[in-house]
Amino acid sequence: MTAANPSVLLIHGAFSRGAHFDAWRQGFERAGFSCVAPTLQGHEPSERAAVAGLSMTDYEATLEAIRSRLVTPPVIAGHSMGGLLAQRLAASGP
């Protein structure tokens, strides 16, 4: 990644997970961007029952922790529920 390239944070939707962004993540990485596409808690097949006890605030806290570890302020993109999370995250920081 060059200093000019921002990080990219991709946020999946309600019935998805980070791996669904693999082709996008790989494309950004080939282009020289640092890119992450995490799976939100409760969205791995083995964790489905846990999702009932989670809130948007829980997801935001997880995403904020990820954003804080990125080298540059990220470009944030999300799909479906991830789009709402992307907007909320973008409104709360750089």
Protein backbone atom coordinates (compact mmCIF):
# COMPACT_ATOMS: atom_id res chain seq x y z
CA MET A 1 0.00 0.00 0.00
CA THR A 2 1.27 3.45 -0.83
CA ALA A 3 0.75 6.43 1.44
CA ALA A 4 -1.80 7.82 -1.05
CA ASN A 5 -4.05 4.77 -0.84
CA PRO A 6 -6.61 4.71 1.96
CA SER A 7 -7.60 1.52 3.68
CA VAL A 8 -10.86 -0.11 2.60
CA LEU A 9 -13.34 -1.57 5.08
CA LEU A 10 -16.07 -3.76 3.58
CA ILE A 11 -19.07 -4.58 5.80
CA HIS A 12 -21.40 -7.45 4.95
CA GLY A 13 -25.16 -7.66 5.38
CA ALA A 14 -27.40 -9.52 7.82
CA PHE A 15 -27.36 -12.95 6.20
CA SER A 16 -23.79 -12.84 4.96
CA ARG A 17 -20.21 -12.85 6.18
CA GLY A 18 -16.87 -11.31 5.32
CA ALA A 19 -15.84 -14.13 2.97
CA HIS A 20 -18.56 -13.05 0.55
CA PHE A 21 -16.39 -9.99 -0.19
CA ASP A 22 -13.28 -12.07 -1.02
CA ALA A 23 -13.23 -11.16 -4.73
CA TRP A 24 -13.64 -7.46 -3.92
CA ARG A 25 -11.02 -7.59 -1.15
CA GLN A 26 -8.52 -9.34 -3.41
CA GLY A 27 -9.13 -6.80 -6.18
CA PHE A 28 -8.50 -3.89 -3.84
CA GLU A 29 -5.36 -5.56 -2.51
CA ARG A 30 -4.03 -6.17 -6.04
CA ALA A 31 -4.58 -2.47 -6.70
CA GLY A 32 -2.42 -1.57 -3.69
CA PHE A 33 -5.04 -0.94 -1.02
CA SER A 34 -5.10 -2.39 2.46
CA CYS A 35 -8.54 -4.01 2.64
CA VAL A 36 -10.44 -5.82 5.37
CA ALA A 37 -13.78 -7.60 5.21
CA PRO A 38 -14.45 -8.94 8.70
CA THR A 39 -17.24 -11.31 9.62
CA LEU A 40 -19.45 -9.72 12.25
CA GLN A 41 -20.06 -11.67 15.43
CA GLY A 42 -22.96 -14.10 15.19
CA HIS A 43 -22.65 -14.49 11.42
CA GLU A 44 -20.50 -17.60 11.13
CA PRO A 45 -22.71 -20.66 10.63
CA SER A 46 -21.63 -22.07 14.00
CA GLU A 47 -22.66 -18.81 15.78
CA ARG A 48 -26.15 -18.26 14.34
CA ALA A 49 -27.93 -18.59 17.68
CA ALA A 50 -25.81 -15.78 19.17
CA VAL A 51 -27.04 -13.19 16.67
CA ALA A 52 -30.36 -12.81 18.52
CA GLY A 53 -28.57 -11.20 21.47
CA LEU A 54 -26.58 -8.68 19.42
CA SER A 55 -27.43 -5.10 18.54
CA MET A 56 -26.27 -2.55 16.01
CA THR A 57 -24.29 -0.96 18.84
CA ASP A 58 -22.42 -4.25 19.33
CA TYR A 59 -21.54 -4.36 15.63
CA GLU A 60 -20.49 -0.71 15.66
CA ALA A 61 -18.14 -1.31 18.59
CA THR A 62 -16.53 -4.22 16.75
CA LEU A 63 -16.14 -2.17 13.57
CA GLU A 64 -14.75 0.81 15.48
CA ALA A 65 -12.09 -1.45 17.00
CA ILE A 66 -11.18 -2.68 13.51
CA ARG A 67 -11.12 0.85 12.10
CA SER A 68 -8.84 2.04 14.92
CA ARG A 69 -6.21 -0.56 13.93
CA LEU A 70 -6.08 0.50 10.26
CA VAL A 71 -3.07 2.49 9.08
CA THR A 72 -5.15 5.14 7.30
CA PRO A 73 -8.76 6.28 7.72
CA PRO A 74 -10.72 3.84 5.57
CA VAL A 75 -13.09 4.10 2.70
CA ILE A 76 -16.10 2.30 4.16
CA ALA A 77 -18.56 0.34 2.04
CA GLY A 78 -21.34 -1.95 3.14
CA HIS A 79 -24.11 -4.09 1.72
CA SER A 80 -27.63 -4.14 3.15
CA MET A 81 -27.35 -4.01 6.96
CA GLY A 82 -23.64 -3.38 6.38
CA GLY A 83 -24.61 -0.23 4.48
CA LEU A 84 -26.38 1.13 7.55
CA LEU A 85 -23.40 0.20 9.70
CA ALA A 86 -21.07 1.88 7.18
CA GLN A 87 -23.07 5.12 7.41
CA ARG A 88 -23.12 5.05 11.20
CA LEU A 89 -19.38 4.30 11.36
CA ALA A 90 -18.55 7.03 8.84
CA ALA A 91 -20.58 9.55 10.84
CA SER A 92 -18.63 8.77 14.01
CA GLY A 93 -15.06 9.33 12.86
CA PRO A 94 -12.60 10.09 10.10
